[in-house]
């Protein structure tokens, strides 16, 4: 009989623990606030709605997402949720355009960061696609809340401000989740630099074209977008489809194995924030905005899957998994890293 100790299997991430009674009650209250906000927004969309019902729905969404974000990051949920409620009520009661716009901006930023924080690691490609859908649904609910607040704004300024603020806030949170710069590594640093350059170049290129571009080139781009809106009822947004959604798909897949995945996921805020920008665009109908978001999601998911395959090929994970079922099981078990469930604090 061999005296050699049996090979120890690597521990897999533990299953989600049952919620404690206090946390279960808090989750129930959170769901009630969120559903109440959605119902109020639905009533506001009907003909002749009661006064302030749309604003109340927007404030409820802002409170729910603020509390959810603070809970995921280990903060004082009721303190910040109450603060968001107070600011929202003050903006609605005062009925000042600047306050309403500020409340809408805060809601958009919180929604974008919460959409990333609510995701969980994805072991498979299908799970990564699921997380992208979850993030976009959060962005869709947040967009409804922002529209309900009826902000008075310049769409371009609002878009640039919310993109910058949400990305900075998310990177600050990820700095803690990813073990600081020490956990960034060369690959993480490359991802952050590449994502930042891609975002800056895309936004700068669009702005330069809008202001100083050659008329023929601008007209060609506008004609292409107009054709897509006329024939497809929607046109994918470049930042959303080429950066935001792929970042969520690839980042959640990477998070199941390496903590650097959090740095990739940070750029997913651009996908969630641009859902709001799309629905605030006065040139788009509700159908146009919905299909634009759907097309961006489809293109981004396909690009994210390609990036995952290339990543597995470069890192050698794909080759290691090709040596039979037993090898695949042991390799996946040894590489998975634990992370709290969707309703649990990350910190």
C-alpha atoms as a PDB file:
ATOM      1  CA  UNK A   1       0.000   0.000   0.000  1.00  0.00           C
ATOM      2  CA  UNK A   2       1.484   3.321  -1.007  1.00  0.00           C
ATOM      3  CA  UNK A   3       2.292   5.735   1.780  1.00  0.00           C
ATOM      4  CA  UNK A   4       2.232   8.685  -0.540  1.00  0.00           C
ATOM      5  CA  UNK A   5      -0.386  11.194   0.551  1.00  0.00           C
ATOM      6  CA  UNK A   6      -3.209  11.552  -1.959  1.00  0.00           C
ATOM      7  CA  UNK A   7      -3.066  14.591  -4.177  1.00  0.00           C
ATOM      8  CA  UNK A   8      -5.098  17.345  -2.584  1.00  0.00           C
ATOM      9  CA  UNK A   9      -7.664  18.952  -4.800  1.00  0.00           C
ATOM     10  CA  UNK A  10      -7.592  22.698  -4.927  1.00  0.00           C
ATOM     11  CA  UNK A  11     -10.467  24.240  -3.062  1.00  0.00           C
ATOM     12  CA  UNK A  12     -13.221  25.670  -5.160  1.00  0.00           C
ATOM     13  CA  UNK A  13     -14.961  28.901  -4.200  1.00  0.00           C
ATOM     14  CA  UNK A  14     -17.422  28.193  -1.436  1.00  0.00           C
ATOM     15  CA  UNK A  15     -21.106  28.329  -2.211  1.00  0.00           C
ATOM     16  CA  UNK A  16     -22.971  31.429  -1.250  1.00  0.00           C
ATOM     17  CA  UNK A  17     -23.765  31.423   2.424  1.00  0.00           C
ATOM     18  CA  UNK A  18     -27.331  31.943   3.530  1.00  0.00           C
ATOM     19  CA  UNK A  19     -28.188  35.522   4.295  1.00  0.00           C
ATOM     20  CA  UNK A  20     -28.452  36.446   7.945  1.00  0.00           C
ATOM     21  CA  UNK A  21     -31.897  37.630   9.086  1.00  0.00           C
ATOM     22  CA  UNK A  22     -30.781  41.263   9.264  1.00  0.00           C
ATOM     23  CA  UNK A  23     -29.220  41.192   5.814  1.00  0.00           C
ATOM     24  CA  UNK A  24     -32.241  39.339   4.426  1.00  0.00           C
ATOM     25  CA  UNK A  25     -34.522  42.084   5.771  1.00  0.00           C
ATOM     26  CA  UNK A  26     -32.266  44.745   4.279  1.00  0.00           C
ATOM     27  CA  UNK A  27     -32.320  43.010   0.893  1.00  0.00           C
ATOM     28  CA  UNK A  28     -36.122  42.798   1.044  1.00  0.00           C
ATOM     29  CA  UNK A  29     -36.361  46.522   1.822  1.00  0.00           C
ATOM     30  CA  UNK A  30     -33.966  47.282  -1.025  1.00  0.00           C
ATOM     31  CA  UNK A  31     -36.077  45.289  -3.480  1.00  0.00           C
ATOM     32  CA  UNK A  32     -39.245  47.049  -2.315  1.00  0.00           C
ATOM     33  CA  UNK A  33     -37.664  50.480  -2.860  1.00  0.00           C
ATOM     34  CA  UNK A  34     -36.449  49.458  -6.307  1.00  0.00           C
ATOM     35  CA  UNK A  35     -39.798  47.980  -7.342  1.00  0.00           C
ATOM     36  CA  UNK A  36     -41.595  51.015  -5.945  1.00  0.00           C
ATOM     37  CA  UNK A  37     -39.421  53.277  -8.058  1.00  0.00           C
ATOM     38  CA  UNK A  38     -40.095  51.225 -11.188  1.00  0.00           C
ATOM     39  CA  UNK A  39     -43.847  51.277 -10.540  1.00  0.00           C
ATOM     40  CA  UNK A  40     -43.755  55.043 -10.057  1.00  0.00           C
ATOM     41  CA  UNK A  41     -41.861  55.482 -13.324  1.00  0.00           C
ATOM     42  CA  UNK A  42     -44.418  53.268 -15.054  1.00  0.00           C
ATOM     43  CA  UNK A  43     -47.261  55.407 -13.726  1.00  0.00           C
ATOM     44  CA  UNK A  44     -45.424  58.539 -14.854  1.00  0.00           C
ATOM     45  CA  UNK A  45     -45.258  57.162 -18.400  1.00  0.00           C
ATOM     46  CA  UNK A  46     -49.054  56.862 -18.551  1.00  0.00           C
ATOM     47  CA  UNK A  47     -51.254  59.729 -19.809  1.00  0.00           C
ATOM     48  CA  UNK A  48     -52.017  62.448 -17.231  1.00  0.00           C
ATOM     49  CA  UNK A  49     -49.807  61.111 -14.426  1.00  0.00           C
ATOM     50  CA  UNK A  50     -50.029  62.539 -10.887  1.00  0.00           C
ATOM     51  CA  UNK A  51     -47.553  65.344 -10.176  1.00  0.00           C
ATOM     52  CA  UNK A  52     -44.034  64.418  -9.036  1.00  0.00           C
ATOM     53  CA  UNK A  53     -44.617  60.676  -9.479  1.00  0.00           C
ATOM     54  CA  UNK A  54     -41.849  60.422 -12.086  1.00  0.00           C
ATOM     55  CA  UNK A  55     -39.443  62.380  -9.896  1.00  0.00           C
ATOM     56  CA  UNK A  56     -40.316  60.147  -6.935  1.00  0.00           C
ATOM     57  CA  UNK A  57     -39.499  57.074  -9.028  1.00  0.00           C
ATOM     58  CA  UNK A  58     -36.163  58.569 -10.054  1.00  0.00           C
ATOM     59  CA  UNK A  59     -35.283  59.352  -6.434  1.00  0.00           C
ATOM     60  CA  UNK A  60     -36.231  55.822  -5.366  1.00  0.00           C
ATOM     61  CA  UNK A  61     -33.936  54.340  -8.051  1.00  0.00           C
ATOM     62  CA  UNK A  62     -31.112  56.647  -6.940  1.00  0.00           C
ATOM     63  CA  UNK A  63     -31.565  55.633  -3.301  1.00  0.00           C
ATOM     64  CA  UNK A  64     -31.699  51.912  -4.122  1.00  0.00           C
ATOM     65  CA  UNK A  65     -28.577  51.969  -6.301  1.00  0.00           C
ATOM     66  CA  UNK A  66     -26.656  54.170  -3.871  1.00  0.00           C
ATOM     67  CA  UNK A  67     -27.474  51.793  -1.027  1.00  0.00           C
ATOM     68  CA  UNK A  68     -26.598  48.798  -3.196  1.00  0.00           C
ATOM     69  CA  UNK A  69     -23.234  50.257  -4.200  1.00  0.00           C
ATOM     70  CA  UNK A  70     -22.341  51.194  -0.632  1.00  0.00           C
ATOM     71  CA  UNK A  71     -23.393  47.746   0.597  1.00  0.00           C
ATOM     72  CA  UNK A  72     -21.230  45.994  -2.010  1.00  0.00           C
ATOM     73  CA  UNK A  73     -18.229  48.127  -1.078  1.00  0.00           C
ATOM     74  CA  UNK A  74     -18.628  47.576   2.664  1.00  0.00           C
ATOM     75  CA  UNK A  75     -19.866  51.048   3.621  1.00  0.00           C
ATOM     76  CA  UNK A  76     -22.668  52.351   5.808  1.00  0.00           C
ATOM     77  CA  UNK A  77     -25.709  51.558   3.717  1.00  0.00           C
ATOM     78  CA  UNK A  78     -28.405  53.425   5.643  1.00  0.00           C
ATOM     79  CA  UNK A  79     -26.265  56.526   6.104  1.00  0.00           C
ATOM     80  CA  UNK A  80     -25.503  56.992   2.427  1.00  0.00           C
ATOM     81  CA  UNK A  81     -28.929  55.780   1.349  1.00  0.00           C
ATOM     82  CA  UNK A  82     -30.515  58.395   3.624  1.00  0.00           C
ATOM     83  CA  UNK A  83     -28.165  61.043   2.250  1.00  0.00           C
ATOM     84  CA  UNK A  84     -29.159  60.161  -1.312  1.00  0.00           C
ATOM     85  CA  UNK A  85     -32.825  60.346  -0.290  1.00  0.00           C
ATOM     86  CA  UNK A  86     -32.371  63.764   1.296  1.00  0.00           C
ATOM     87  CA  UNK A  87     -30.531  65.173  -1.727  1.00  0.00           C
ATOM     88  CA  UNK A  88     -33.099  63.745  -4.124  1.00  0.00           C
ATOM     89  CA  UNK A  89     -36.066  65.119  -2.206  1.00  0.00           C
ATOM     90  CA  UNK A  90     -34.385  68.513  -1.931  1.00  0.00           C
ATOM     91  CA  UNK A  91     -33.775  68.605  -5.686  1.00  0.00           C
ATOM     92  CA  UNK A  92     -37.411  67.752  -6.440  1.00  0.00           C
ATOM     93  CA  UNK A  93     -38.957  70.096  -3.863  1.00  0.00           C
ATOM     94  CA  UNK A  94     -36.724  73.041  -4.771  1.00  0.00           C
ATOM     95  CA  UNK A  95     -37.521  72.448  -8.458  1.00  0.00           C
ATOM     96  CA  UNK A  96     -34.260  74.070  -9.531  1.00  0.00           C
ATOM     97  CA  UNK A  97     -32.903  72.880 -12.896  1.00  0.00           C
ATOM     98  CA  UNK A  98     -29.348  72.807 -11.565  1.00  0.00           C
ATOM     99  CA  UNK A  99     -30.320  70.608  -8.602  1.00  0.00           C
ATOM    100  CA  UNK A 100     -32.327  68.250 -10.810  1.00  0.00           C
ATOM    101  CA  UNK A 101     -29.414  67.945 -13.212  1.00  0.00           C
ATOM    102  CA  UNK A 102     -27.041  67.308 -10.315  1.00  0.00           C
ATOM    103  CA  UNK A 103     -29.313  64.582  -8.969  1.00  0.00           C
ATOM    104  CA  UNK A 104     -29.538  63.027 -12.446  1.00  0.00           C
ATOM    105  CA  UNK A 105     -25.754  63.150 -12.849  1.00  0.00           C
ATOM    106  CA  UNK A 106     -25.257  61.481  -9.467  1.00  0.00           C
ATOM    107  CA  UNK A 107     -27.779  58.788 -10.370  1.00  0.00           C
ATOM    108  CA  UNK A 108     -26.042  58.073 -13.680  1.00  0.00           C
ATOM    109  CA  UNK A 109     -22.598  57.798 -12.029  1.00  0.00           C
ATOM    110  CA  UNK A 110     -23.835  55.594  -9.191  1.00  0.00           C
ATOM    111  CA  UNK A 111     -25.708  53.381 -11.650  1.00  0.00           C
ATOM    112  CA  UNK A 112     -22.638  52.899 -13.849  1.00  0.00           C
ATOM    113  CA  UNK A 113     -20.390  51.905 -10.940  1.00  0.00           C
ATOM    114  CA  UNK A 114     -23.062  49.719  -9.322  1.00  0.00           C
ATOM    115  CA  UNK A 115     -23.578  47.908 -12.642  1.00  0.00           C
ATOM    116  CA  UNK A 116     -19.942  46.809 -12.493  1.00  0.00           C
ATOM    117  CA  UNK A 117     -19.865  46.064  -8.773  1.00  0.00           C
ATOM    118  CA  UNK A 118     -22.966  43.846  -8.927  1.00  0.00           C
ATOM    119  CA  UNK A 119     -21.292  41.420 -11.325  1.00  0.00           C
ATOM    120  CA  UNK A 120     -19.716  38.147 -10.158  1.00  0.00           C
ATOM    121  CA  UNK A 121     -16.806  36.098 -11.581  1.00  0.00           C
ATOM    122  CA  UNK A 122     -17.682  34.076 -14.668  1.00  0.00           C
ATOM    123  CA  UNK A 123     -16.061  30.655 -15.014  1.00  0.00           C
ATOM    124  CA  UNK A 124     -17.476  30.034 -18.498  1.00  0.00           C
ATOM    125  CA  UNK A 125     -18.094  32.238 -21.513  1.00  0.00           C
ATOM    126  CA  UNK A 126     -21.866  31.904 -21.121  1.00  0.00           C
ATOM    127  CA  UNK A 127     -21.607  33.145 -17.543  1.00  0.00           C
ATOM    128  CA  UNK A 128     -19.559  36.107 -18.764  1.00  0.00           C
ATOM    129  CA  UNK A 129     -22.310  36.921 -21.263  1.00  0.00           C
ATOM    130  CA  UNK A 130     -24.851  36.686 -18.440  1.00  0.00           C
ATOM    131  CA  UNK A 131     -22.896  39.220 -16.375  1.00  0.00           C
ATOM    132  CA  UNK A 132     -22.830  41.649 -19.303  1.00  0.00           C
ATOM    133  CA  UNK A 133     -26.607  41.354 -19.585  1.00  0.00           C
ATOM    134  CA  UNK A 134     -26.984  41.941 -15.825  1.00  0.00           C
ATOM    135  CA  UNK A 135     -24.823  45.076 -15.994  1.00  0.00           C
ATOM    136  CA  UNK A 136     -26.780  46.450 -18.947  1.00  0.00           C
ATOM    137  CA  UNK A 137     -30.101  45.786 -17.205  1.00  0.00           C
ATOM    138  CA  UNK A 138     -28.860  47.761 -14.196  1.00  0.00           C
ATOM    139  CA  UNK A 139     -27.865  50.540 -16.600  1.00  0.00           C
ATOM    140  CA  UNK A 140     -31.339  50.414 -18.169  1.00  0.00           C
ATOM    141  CA  UNK A 141     -33.078  50.802 -14.792  1.00  0.00           C
ATOM    142  CA  UNK A 142     -30.753  53.653 -13.870  1.00  0.00           C
ATOM    143  CA  UNK A 143     -31.466  55.339 -17.200  1.00  0.00           C
ATOM    144  CA  UNK A 144     -35.186  55.211 -16.429  1.00  0.00           C
ATOM    145  CA  UNK A 145     -34.484  56.857 -13.072  1.00  0.00           C
ATOM    146  CA  UNK A 146     -32.449  59.635 -14.689  1.00  0.00           C
ATOM    147  CA  UNK A 147     -35.174  60.312 -17.272  1.00  0.00           C
ATOM    148  CA  UNK A 148     -37.728  60.431 -14.455  1.00  0.00           C
ATOM    149  CA  UNK A 149     -35.792  63.247 -12.764  1.00  0.00           C
ATOM    150  CA  UNK A 150     -36.274  65.357 -15.938  1.00  0.00           C
ATOM    151  CA  UNK A 151     -32.846  67.033 -15.979  1.00  0.00           C
ATOM    152  CA  UNK A 152     -32.101  70.146 -18.003  1.00  0.00           C
ATOM    153  CA  UNK A 153     -28.750  69.504 -19.619  1.00  0.00           C
ATOM    154  CA  UNK A 154     -26.331  69.640 -22.504  1.00  0.00           C
ATOM    155  CA  UNK A 155     -26.105  66.010 -23.542  1.00  0.00           C
ATOM    156  CA  UNK A 156     -22.451  66.158 -24.599  1.00  0.00           C
ATOM    157  CA  UNK A 157     -21.321  67.794 -21.342  1.00  0.00           C
ATOM    158  CA  UNK A 158     -23.461  65.408 -19.321  1.00  0.00           C
ATOM    159  CA  UNK A 159     -21.952  62.430 -21.172  1.00  0.00           C
ATOM    160  CA  UNK A 160     -18.343  63.528 -20.704  1.00  0.00           C
ATOM    161  CA  UNK A 161     -18.868  64.383 -17.036  1.00  0.00           C
ATOM    162  CA  UNK A 162     -20.596  61.134 -16.137  1.00  0.00           C
ATOM    163  CA  UNK A 163     -18.091  58.999 -18.056  1.00  0.00           C
ATOM    164  CA  UNK A 164     -15.133  60.650 -16.329  1.00  0.00           C
ATOM    165  CA  UNK A 165     -16.695  60.629 -12.855  1.00  0.00           C
ATOM    166  CA  UNK A 166     -17.907  57.022 -13.037  1.00  0.00           C
ATOM    167  CA  UNK A 167     -14.556  55.754 -14.341  1.00  0.00           C
ATOM    168  CA  UNK A 168     -12.587  57.581 -11.626  1.00  0.00           C
ATOM    169  CA  UNK A 169     -14.937  56.354  -8.888  1.00  0.00           C
ATOM    170  CA  UNK A 170     -14.835  52.778 -10.165  1.00  0.00           C
ATOM    171  CA  UNK A 171     -11.030  52.797 -10.399  1.00  0.00           C
ATOM    172  CA  UNK A 172     -10.831  54.000  -6.784  1.00  0.00           C
ATOM    173  CA  UNK A 173     -13.028  51.089  -5.678  1.00  0.00           C
ATOM    174  CA  UNK A 174     -11.116  48.620  -7.853  1.00  0.00           C
ATOM    175  CA  UNK A 175      -7.864  49.890  -6.340  1.00  0.00           C
ATOM    176  CA  UNK A 176      -9.034  48.296  -3.072  1.00  0.00           C
ATOM    177  CA  UNK A 177     -10.574  45.198  -4.646  1.00  0.00           C
ATOM    178  CA  UNK A 178      -7.528  44.508  -6.807  1.00  0.00           C
ATOM    179  CA  UNK A 179      -5.007  44.778  -3.948  1.00  0.00           C
ATOM    180  CA  UNK A 180      -3.817  48.205  -5.071  1.00  0.00           C
ATOM    181  CA  UNK A 181      -1.113  48.786  -7.631  1.00  0.00           C
ATOM    182  CA  UNK A 182       0.721  45.725  -6.287  1.00  0.00           C
ATOM    183  CA  UNK A 183      -2.076  43.521  -7.622  1.00  0.00           C
ATOM    184  CA  UNK A 184      -2.184  45.306 -10.966  1.00  0.00           C
ATOM    185  CA  UNK A 185       0.717  43.460 -12.561  1.00  0.00           C
ATOM    186  CA  UNK A 186       2.032  43.981 -16.068  1.00  0.00           C
ATOM    187  CA  UNK A 187      -1.090  42.642 -17.742  1.00  0.00           C
ATOM    188  CA  UNK A 188      -3.342  44.793 -15.581  1.00  0.00           C
ATOM    189  CA  UNK A 189      -1.237  47.862 -16.278  1.00  0.00           C
ATOM    190  CA  UNK A 190      -1.388  47.145 -20.000  1.00  0.00           C
ATOM    191  CA  UNK A 191      -5.166  46.782 -19.816  1.00  0.00           C
ATOM    192  CA  UNK A 192      -5.624  50.052 -17.904  1.00  0.00           C
ATOM    193  CA  UNK A 193      -3.380  52.001 -20.275  1.00  0.00           C
ATOM    194  CA  UNK A 194      -4.974  50.461 -23.382  1.00  0.00           C
ATOM    195  CA  UNK A 195      -8.506  51.044 -22.128  1.00  0.00           C
ATOM    196  CA  UNK A 196      -7.768  54.641 -21.154  1.00  0.00           C
ATOM    197  CA  UNK A 197      -6.156  55.385 -24.509  1.00  0.00           C
ATOM    198  CA  UNK A 198      -9.022  53.738 -26.414  1.00  0.00           C
ATOM    199  CA  UNK A 199     -11.622  55.726 -24.480  1.00  0.00           C
ATOM    200  CA  UNK A 200      -9.743  59.016 -24.850  1.00  0.00           C
ATOM    201  CA  UNK A 201      -9.088  58.521 -28.551  1.00  0.00           C
ATOM    202  CA  UNK A 202     -12.694  57.533 -29.288  1.00  0.00           C
ATOM    203  CA  UNK A 203     -14.178  60.504 -27.436  1.00  0.00           C
ATOM    204  CA  UNK A 204     -11.601  62.953 -28.801  1.00  0.00           C
ATOM    205  CA  UNK A 205     -12.069  61.679 -32.352  1.00  0.00           C
ATOM    206  CA  UNK A 206     -15.829  62.071 -32.121  1.00  0.00           C
ATOM    207  CA  UNK A 207     -15.494  65.593 -30.721  1.00  0.00           C
ATOM    208  CA  UNK A 208     -12.960  66.650 -33.354  1.00  0.00           C
ATOM    209  CA  UNK A 209     -15.171  65.286 -36.112  1.00  0.00           C
ATOM    210  CA  UNK A 210     -18.153  67.103 -34.691  1.00  0.00           C
ATOM    211  CA  UNK A 211     -16.385  70.448 -34.479  1.00  0.00           C
ATOM    212  CA  UNK A 212     -13.607  70.505 -37.053  1.00  0.00           C
ATOM    213  CA  UNK A 213     -14.060  67.431 -39.242  1.00  0.00           C
ATOM    214  CA  UNK A 214     -14.169  67.554 -43.003  1.00  0.00           C
ATOM    215  CA  UNK A 215     -17.782  67.984 -44.110  1.00  0.00           C
ATOM    216  CA  UNK A 216     -17.620  65.005 -46.481  1.00  0.00           C
ATOM    217  CA  UNK A 217     -16.355  62.651 -43.757  1.00  0.00           C
ATOM    218  CA  UNK A 218     -18.847  63.905 -41.185  1.00  0.00           C
ATOM    219  CA  UNK A 219     -21.670  63.631 -43.693  1.00  0.00           C
ATOM    220  CA  UNK A 220     -20.622  60.058 -44.545  1.00  0.00           C
ATOM    221  CA  UNK A 221     -20.637  59.041 -40.868  1.00  0.00           C
ATOM    222  CA  UNK A 222     -23.952  60.738 -40.254  1.00  0.00           C
ATOM    223  CA  UNK A 223     -25.419  59.108 -43.362  1.00  0.00           C
ATOM    224  CA  UNK A 224     -24.283  55.694 -42.114  1.00  0.00           C
ATOM    225  CA  UNK A 225     -25.868  56.287 -38.726  1.00  0.00           C
ATOM    226  CA  UNK A 226     -29.023  57.607 -40.356  1.00  0.00           C
ATOM    227  CA  UNK A 227     -29.224  54.537 -42.595  1.00  0.00           C
ATOM    228  CA  UNK A 228     -28.884  52.236 -39.571  1.00  0.00           C
ATOM    229  CA  UNK A 229     -31.619  54.126 -37.725  1.00  0.00           C
ATOM    230  CA  UNK A 230     -33.928  54.041 -40.746  1.00  0.00           C
ATOM    231  CA  UNK A 231     -33.376  50.391 -41.647  1.00  0.00           C
ATOM    232  CA  UNK A 232     -32.346  48.749 -38.353  1.00  0.00           C
ATOM    233  CA  UNK A 233     -34.054  51.197 -35.957  1.00  0.00           C
ATOM    234  CA  UNK A 234     -30.775  51.520 -34.068  1.00  0.00           C
ATOM    235  CA  UNK A 235     -26.993  51.954 -34.396  1.00  0.00           C
ATOM    236  CA  UNK A 236     -24.382  50.542 -31.963  1.00  0.00           C
ATOM    237  CA  UNK A 237     -22.473  53.112 -29.933  1.00  0.00           C
ATOM    238  CA  UNK A 238     -18.692  52.724 -30.478  1.00  0.00           C
ATOM    239  CA  UNK A 239     -17.546  53.209 -26.862  1.00  0.00           C
ATOM    240  CA  UNK A 240     -20.248  50.894 -25.587  1.00  0.00           C
ATOM    241  CA  UNK A 241     -19.705  48.158 -28.164  1.00  0.00           C
ATOM    242  CA  UNK A 242     -15.911  48.315 -28.478  1.00  0.00           C
ATOM    243  CA  UNK A 243     -14.899  49.036 -24.870  1.00  0.00           C
ATOM    244  CA  UNK A 244     -17.629  48.875 -22.229  1.00  0.00           C
ATOM    245  CA  UNK A 245     -19.387  45.585 -22.935  1.00  0.00           C
ATOM    246  CA  UNK A 246     -16.189  43.672 -23.898  1.00  0.00           C
ATOM    247  CA  UNK A 247     -14.595  44.914 -20.662  1.00  0.00           C
ATOM    248  CA  UNK A 248     -17.389  43.357 -18.616  1.00  0.00           C
ATOM    249  CA  UNK A 249     -17.351  40.082 -20.553  1.00  0.00           C
ATOM    250  CA  UNK A 250     -13.577  39.669 -20.447  1.00  0.00           C
ATOM    251  CA  UNK A 251     -13.167  41.173 -16.984  1.00  0.00           C
ATOM    252  CA  UNK A 252     -15.671  38.910 -15.243  1.00  0.00           C
ATOM    253  CA  UNK A 253     -14.141  35.892 -16.982  1.00  0.00           C
ATOM    254  CA  UNK A 254     -10.665  36.952 -15.867  1.00  0.00           C
ATOM    255  CA  UNK A 255     -11.852  37.626 -12.296  1.00  0.00           C
ATOM    256  CA  UNK A 256     -12.643  33.920 -11.889  1.00  0.00           C
ATOM    257  CA  UNK A 257      -8.899  33.241 -12.163  1.00  0.00           C
ATOM    258  CA  UNK A 258      -6.941  36.460 -11.567  1.00  0.00           C
ATOM    259  CA  UNK A 259      -7.709  39.540  -9.513  1.00  0.00           C
ATOM    260  CA  UNK A 260      -6.460  41.734 -12.382  1.00  0.00           C
ATOM    261  CA  UNK A 261      -9.890  41.127 -13.884  1.00  0.00           C
ATOM    262  CA  UNK A 262     -11.239  43.883 -11.653  1.00  0.00           C
ATOM    263  CA  UNK A 263      -9.113  46.428 -13.509  1.00  0.00           C
ATOM    264  CA  UNK A 264     -10.626  45.256 -16.783  1.00  0.00           C
ATOM    265  CA  UNK A 265     -14.157  45.405 -15.382  1.00  0.00           C
ATOM    266  CA  UNK A 266     -13.655  49.043 -14.353  1.00  0.00           C
ATOM    267  CA  UNK A 267     -14.039  50.118 -17.977  1.00  0.00           C
ATOM    268  CA  UNK A 268     -17.465  48.475 -18.015  1.00  0.00           C
ATOM    269  CA  UNK A 269     -18.834  51.704 -16.509  1.00  0.00           C
ATOM    270  CA  UNK A 270     -18.760  53.165 -20.011  1.00  0.00           C
ATOM    271  CA  UNK A 271     -21.310  50.592 -21.150  1.00  0.00           C
ATOM    272  CA  UNK A 272     -23.749  51.263 -18.304  1.00  0.00           C
ATOM    273  CA  UNK A 273     -23.331  55.049 -18.439  1.00  0.00           C
ATOM    274  CA  UNK A 274     -24.002  55.187 -22.159  1.00  0.00           C
ATOM    275  CA  UNK A 275     -27.326  53.439 -21.686  1.00  0.00           C
ATOM    276  CA  UNK A 276     -28.443  56.609 -19.925  1.00  0.00           C
ATOM    277  CA  UNK A 277     -26.891  58.823 -22.611  1.00  0.00           C
ATOM    278  CA  UNK A 278     -28.786  56.909 -25.283  1.00  0.00           C
ATOM    279  CA  UNK A 279     -32.181  57.286 -23.624  1.00  0.00           C
ATOM    280  CA  UNK A 280     -31.558  60.993 -22.969  1.00  0.00           C
ATOM    281  CA  UNK A 281     -30.837  61.653 -26.645  1.00  0.00           C
ATOM    282  CA  UNK A 282     -33.824  63.690 -27.913  1.00  0.00           C
ATOM    283  CA  UNK A 283     -33.180  62.609 -31.513  1.00  0.00           C
ATOM    284  CA  UNK A 284     -33.942  58.958 -30.684  1.00  0.00           C
ATOM    285  CA  UNK A 285     -37.320  57.384 -30.087  1.00  0.00           C
ATOM    286  CA  UNK A 286     -37.804  54.857 -27.320  1.00  0.00           C
ATOM    287  CA  UNK A 287     -37.538  52.046 -29.886  1.00  0.00           C
ATOM    288  CA  UNK A 288     -34.357  53.546 -31.373  1.00  0.00           C
ATOM    289  CA  UNK A 289     -32.748  53.850 -27.932  1.00  0.00           C
ATOM    290  CA  UNK A 290     -33.687  50.314 -26.944  1.00  0.00           C
ATOM    291  CA  UNK A 291     -32.406  48.738 -30.154  1.00  0.00           C
ATOM    292  CA  UNK A 292     -29.238  50.855 -30.067  1.00  0.00           C
ATOM    293  CA  UNK A 293     -28.510  49.462 -26.609  1.00  0.00           C
ATOM    294  CA  UNK A 294     -29.331  45.920 -27.753  1.00  0.00           C
ATOM    295  CA  UNK A 295     -27.088  46.167 -30.832  1.00  0.00           C
ATOM    296  CA  UNK A 296     -24.231  47.549 -28.721  1.00  0.00           C
ATOM    297  CA  UNK A 297     -24.648  44.643 -26.319  1.00  0.00           C
ATOM    298  CA  UNK A 298     -24.589  42.040 -29.106  1.00  0.00           C
ATOM    299  CA  UNK A 299     -21.511  43.511 -30.806  1.00  0.00           C
ATOM    300  CA  UNK A 300     -19.723  43.945 -27.488  1.00  0.00           C
ATOM    301  CA  UNK A 301     -20.484  40.388 -26.365  1.00  0.00           C
ATOM    302  CA  UNK A 302     -19.152  38.942 -29.627  1.00  0.00           C
ATOM    303  CA  UNK A 303     -15.977  41.014 -29.335  1.00  0.00           C
ATOM    304  CA  UNK A 304     -15.600  40.005 -25.689  1.00  0.00           C
ATOM    305  CA  UNK A 305     -15.846  36.314 -26.582  1.00  0.00           C
ATOM    306  CA  UNK A 306     -13.114  36.736 -29.189  1.00  0.00           C
ATOM    307  CA  UNK A 307     -10.899  38.474 -26.616  1.00  0.00           C
ATOM    308  CA  UNK A 308     -11.488  35.655 -24.113  1.00  0.00           C
ATOM    309  CA  UNK A 309     -10.467  33.050 -26.682  1.00  0.00           C
ATOM    310  CA  UNK A 310      -7.322  35.001 -27.539  1.00  0.00           C
ATOM    311  CA  UNK A 311      -6.523  35.433 -23.847  1.00  0.00           C
ATOM    312  CA  UNK A 312      -6.872  31.695 -23.206  1.00  0.00           C
ATOM    313  CA  UNK A 313      -4.689  30.972 -26.206  1.00  0.00           C
ATOM    314  CA  UNK A 314      -1.948  33.410 -25.169  1.00  0.00           C
ATOM    315  CA  UNK A 315      -1.893  32.373 -21.514  1.00  0.00           C
ATOM    316  CA  UNK A 316      -1.995  28.655 -22.351  1.00  0.00           C
ATOM    317  CA  UNK A 317      -5.189  27.959 -20.395  1.00  0.00           C
ATOM    318  CA  UNK A 318      -6.897  26.757 -23.545  1.00  0.00           C
ATOM    319  CA  UNK A 319      -4.151  24.218 -24.251  1.00  0.00           C
ATOM    320  CA  UNK A 320      -4.166  22.934 -20.670  1.00  0.00           C
ATOM    321  CA  UNK A 321      -7.891  22.293 -20.878  1.00  0.00           C
ATOM    322  CA  UNK A 322      -7.486  20.175 -23.973  1.00  0.00           C
ATOM    323  CA  UNK A 323      -5.945  17.190 -22.128  1.00  0.00           C
ATOM    324  CA  UNK A 324      -9.109  15.381 -21.164  1.00  0.00           C
ATOM    325  CA  UNK A 325     -11.967  15.802 -18.727  1.00  0.00           C
ATOM    326  CA  UNK A 326      -9.875  14.999 -15.631  1.00  0.00           C
ATOM    327  CA  UNK A 327      -7.228  17.560 -16.558  1.00  0.00           C
ATOM    328  CA  UNK A 328      -9.849  20.203 -17.276  1.00  0.00           C
ATOM    329  CA  UNK A 329     -11.533  19.601 -13.934  1.00  0.00           C
ATOM    330  CA  UNK A 330      -8.322  19.782 -11.939  1.00  0.00           C
ATOM    331  CA  UNK A 331      -7.072  22.832 -13.827  1.00  0.00           C
ATOM    332  CA  UNK A 332     -10.287  24.779 -13.401  1.00  0.00           C
ATOM    333  CA  UNK A 333     -10.475  23.845  -9.764  1.00  0.00           C
ATOM    334  CA  UNK A 334      -6.932  24.984  -9.102  1.00  0.00           C
ATOM    335  CA  UNK A 335      -7.344  28.293 -10.909  1.00  0.00           C
ATOM    336  CA  UNK A 336     -10.684  29.489  -9.586  1.00  0.00           C
ATOM    337  CA  UNK A 337     -10.524  32.234  -6.969  1.00  0.00           C
ATOM    338  CA  UNK A 338     -13.285  32.820  -4.409  1.00  0.00           C
ATOM    339  CA  UNK A 339     -15.343  35.985  -4.356  1.00  0.00           C
ATOM    340  CA  UNK A 340     -18.455  36.926  -2.365  1.00  0.00           C
ATOM    341  CA  UNK A 341     -21.842  36.350  -3.969  1.00  0.00           C
ATOM    342  CA  UNK A 342     -23.905  38.997  -5.706  1.00  0.00           C
ATOM    343  CA  UNK A 343     -25.731  40.034  -2.542  1.00  0.00           C
ATOM    344  CA  UNK A 344     -22.685  39.932  -0.274  1.00  0.00           C
ATOM    345  CA  UNK A 345     -20.219  42.775   0.488  1.00  0.00           C
ATOM    346  CA  UNK A 346     -17.027  42.629  -1.531  1.00  0.00           C
ATOM    347  CA  UNK A 347     -14.980  44.293   1.213  1.00  0.00           C
END
